[in-house]
Structure formats: C-alpha cells, structure tokens
Amino acid sequence: GVKAVEAWVKQRVEELSSEVSAGTTHAQAERRAAHEQVERVTRTLAELRSTLGKSQDRIAETASQGKTLEAQIQDLRATALPREEANTLVQGLMELQDQRVSKRLDTAEQRGKSDQRAAVEAV
C-alpha cells in the first residue's frame, strides 16, 4: 500500500506541477499582453497630445489672424469716410471745379471782348 500511495502522490505532484507551470505560462502571457496594451495606450496618448498641441497652435494662429483682421477692419473704419461725408466732399469738389471752369470761361470771354474792342479800335 505504501508504494501505491507514493506513486499516487508522485503522480499528483507531477499533475499539480504541470498545472502550476501552465498557470505560470498563462499568467506570463497575460502580463505580456497587458504590458503591450499599456504601451499601445501610452503611444496613442502621446499621439493625441501631439495632435492636441498642433490643434491648439492652429487655433492660436487662427485667433491671431482674426485679431489682425479685426484690427485692419477697425483701421479701415477709422480712416474711411462715411458715405454721406464722401458724397458731400465729392459734391464740393465738383462745385469747386465748376467754379474754376466758369472763371476760365469768364476770363476767356473778357479777353475775347477786349481783343474784339482792340481790333475795332485798330480799324
């Protein structure tokens, strides 16, 4: 009976040893898979941070361009004459030009008359 018990104990130790070995191999595989997953998540997180940084840079650049455009619009508004003022200014310039033309015509007419008188007196 002792040999039978020893044989059974030996066989049972081998079975348990085999199960422990299989369990250890399985645990190692799970650890390796978990480690790889952590590495993938870490890489993905780094890529997302990089993308976020680039997006923030683009947002800042766009905001800066927007501020520049806003400043340019403000400058244009400050320097541009309102339509009524511009029309009044143009109208005034046209009247001034009309006055100059009228003066030139009057002057030419006066010269013509005096030239005519001089010609009549010369005859």
Protein backbone atom coordinates (compact mmCIF):
# COMPACT_ATOMS: atom_id res chain seq x y z
CA GLY A 1 0.00 0.00 0.00
CA VAL A 2 2.79 2.48 0.71
CA LYS A 3 4.20 2.19 -2.79
CA ALA A 4 0.75 2.78 -4.26
CA VAL A 5 0.35 5.91 -2.12
CA GLU A 6 3.83 7.08 -3.09
CA ALA A 7 3.05 6.52 -6.77
CA TRP A 8 -0.26 8.36 -6.41
CA VAL A 9 1.45 11.27 -4.53
CA LYS A 10 4.20 11.38 -7.17
CA GLN A 11 1.65 11.45 -9.99
CA ARG A 12 -0.43 14.07 -8.20
CA VAL A 13 2.69 16.25 -7.65
CA GLU A 14 3.50 15.97 -11.38
CA GLU A 15 -0.10 16.95 -12.31
CA LEU A 16 -0.09 19.88 -9.95
CA SER A 17 3.38 20.90 -11.12
CA SER A 18 2.15 20.76 -14.71
CA GLU A 19 -0.92 22.86 -13.79
CA VAL A 20 1.27 25.42 -11.97
CA SER A 21 3.61 25.55 -14.97
CA ALA A 22 0.64 26.04 -17.34
CA GLY A 23 -0.79 28.67 -14.99
CA THR A 24 2.55 30.46 -14.84
CA THR A 25 2.85 30.40 -18.64
CA HIS A 26 -0.71 31.71 -18.94
CA ALA A 27 -0.06 34.44 -16.36
CA GLN A 28 3.12 35.44 -18.17
CA ALA A 29 1.21 35.64 -21.47
CA GLU A 30 -1.48 37.76 -19.80
CA ARG A 31 1.17 40.04 -18.27
CA ARG A 32 2.87 40.40 -21.66
CA ALA A 33 -0.49 41.21 -23.32
CA ALA A 34 -1.31 43.76 -20.61
CA HIS A 35 2.14 45.33 -20.97
CA GLU A 36 1.70 45.59 -24.77
CA GLN A 37 -1.73 47.14 -24.26
CA VAL A 38 -0.27 49.70 -21.84
CA GLU A 39 2.42 50.54 -24.42
CA ARG A 40 -0.24 50.96 -27.16
CA VAL A 41 -2.35 53.19 -24.92
CA THR A 42 0.74 55.22 -23.98
CA ARG A 43 1.67 55.69 -27.67
CA THR A 44 -1.90 56.63 -28.55
CA LEU A 45 -1.97 59.12 -25.68
CA ALA A 46 1.31 60.68 -26.88
CA GLU A 47 -0.10 60.95 -30.42
CA LEU A 48 -3.28 62.55 -29.09
CA ARG A 49 -1.23 65.04 -27.03
CA SER A 50 0.80 65.89 -30.12
CA THR A 51 -2.36 66.33 -32.21
CA LEU A 52 -3.91 68.44 -29.46
CA GLY A 53 -0.78 70.61 -29.34
CA LYS A 54 -0.88 71.12 -33.10
CA SER A 55 -4.60 71.91 -32.94
CA GLN A 56 -4.02 74.43 -30.15
CA ASP A 57 -1.24 76.03 -32.22
CA ARG A 58 -3.60 76.27 -35.23
CA ILE A 59 -6.35 77.71 -33.03
CA ALA A 60 -3.94 80.30 -31.61
CA GLU A 61 -2.72 81.17 -35.13
CA THR A 62 -6.30 81.49 -36.39
CA ALA A 63 -7.22 83.66 -33.40
CA SER A 64 -4.17 85.84 -34.05
CA GLN A 65 -5.15 86.20 -37.72
CA GLY A 66 -8.67 87.04 -36.61
CA LYS A 67 -7.36 89.75 -34.28
CA THR A 68 -5.16 91.11 -37.07
CA LEU A 69 -8.14 91.20 -39.44
CA GLU A 70 -10.28 92.83 -36.77
CA ALA A 71 -7.59 95.50 -36.27
CA GLN A 72 -7.40 96.07 -40.03
CA ILE A 73 -11.18 96.41 -40.19
CA GLN A 74 -11.08 98.91 -37.30
CA ASP A 75 -8.35 100.86 -39.10
CA LEU A 76 -10.39 100.91 -42.29
CA ARG A 77 -13.46 102.04 -40.39
CA ALA A 78 -11.46 104.77 -38.68
CA THR A 79 -9.93 106.06 -41.93
CA ALA A 80 -12.86 105.51 -44.26
CA LEU A 81 -15.24 108.43 -44.64
CA PRO A 82 -18.88 107.68 -44.07
CA ARG A 83 -20.81 107.60 -47.37
CA GLU A 84 -22.62 110.92 -46.71
CA GLU A 85 -19.36 112.71 -45.94
CA ALA A 86 -17.74 111.24 -49.04
CA ASN A 87 -20.70 112.33 -51.21
CA THR A 88 -20.60 115.83 -49.70
CA LEU A 89 -16.86 116.01 -50.32
CA VAL A 90 -17.22 114.86 -53.94
CA GLN A 91 -20.09 117.32 -54.49
CA GLY A 92 -17.99 120.17 -53.03
CA LEU A 93 -15.04 119.26 -55.28
CA MET A 94 -17.31 119.18 -58.32
CA GLU A 95 -18.72 122.61 -57.42
CA LEU A 96 -15.20 123.96 -56.99
CA GLN A 97 -14.24 122.58 -60.40
CA ASP A 98 -17.40 124.13 -61.93
CA GLN A 99 -16.43 127.49 -60.40
CA ARG A 100 -12.92 127.23 -61.87
CA VAL A 101 -14.30 126.34 -65.28
CA SER A 102 -16.78 129.24 -65.06
CA LYS A 103 -13.95 131.65 -64.11
CA ARG A 104 -11.88 130.43 -67.05
CA LEU A 105 -14.84 130.90 -69.40
CA ASP A 106 -15.50 134.37 -67.97
CA THR A 107 -11.82 135.26 -68.33
CA ALA A 108 -11.74 133.94 -71.89
CA GLU A 109 -14.94 135.84 -72.68
CA GLN A 110 -13.45 139.07 -71.24
CA ARG A 111 -10.28 138.58 -73.29
CA GLY A 112 -12.34 137.93 -76.37
CA LYS A 113 -14.31 141.16 -75.86
CA SER A 114 -11.18 143.20 -75.20
CA ASP A 115 -9.46 141.64 -78.21
CA GLN A 116 -12.56 142.50 -80.24
CA ARG A 117 -12.51 146.11 -78.97
CA ALA A 118 -8.82 146.41 -79.72
CA ALA A 119 -9.43 145.10 -83.21
CA VAL A 120 -12.32 147.55 -83.73
CA GLU A 121 -10.23 150.43 -82.40
CA ALA A 122 -7.32 149.38 -84.61
CA VAL A 123 -9.58 149.55 -87.65
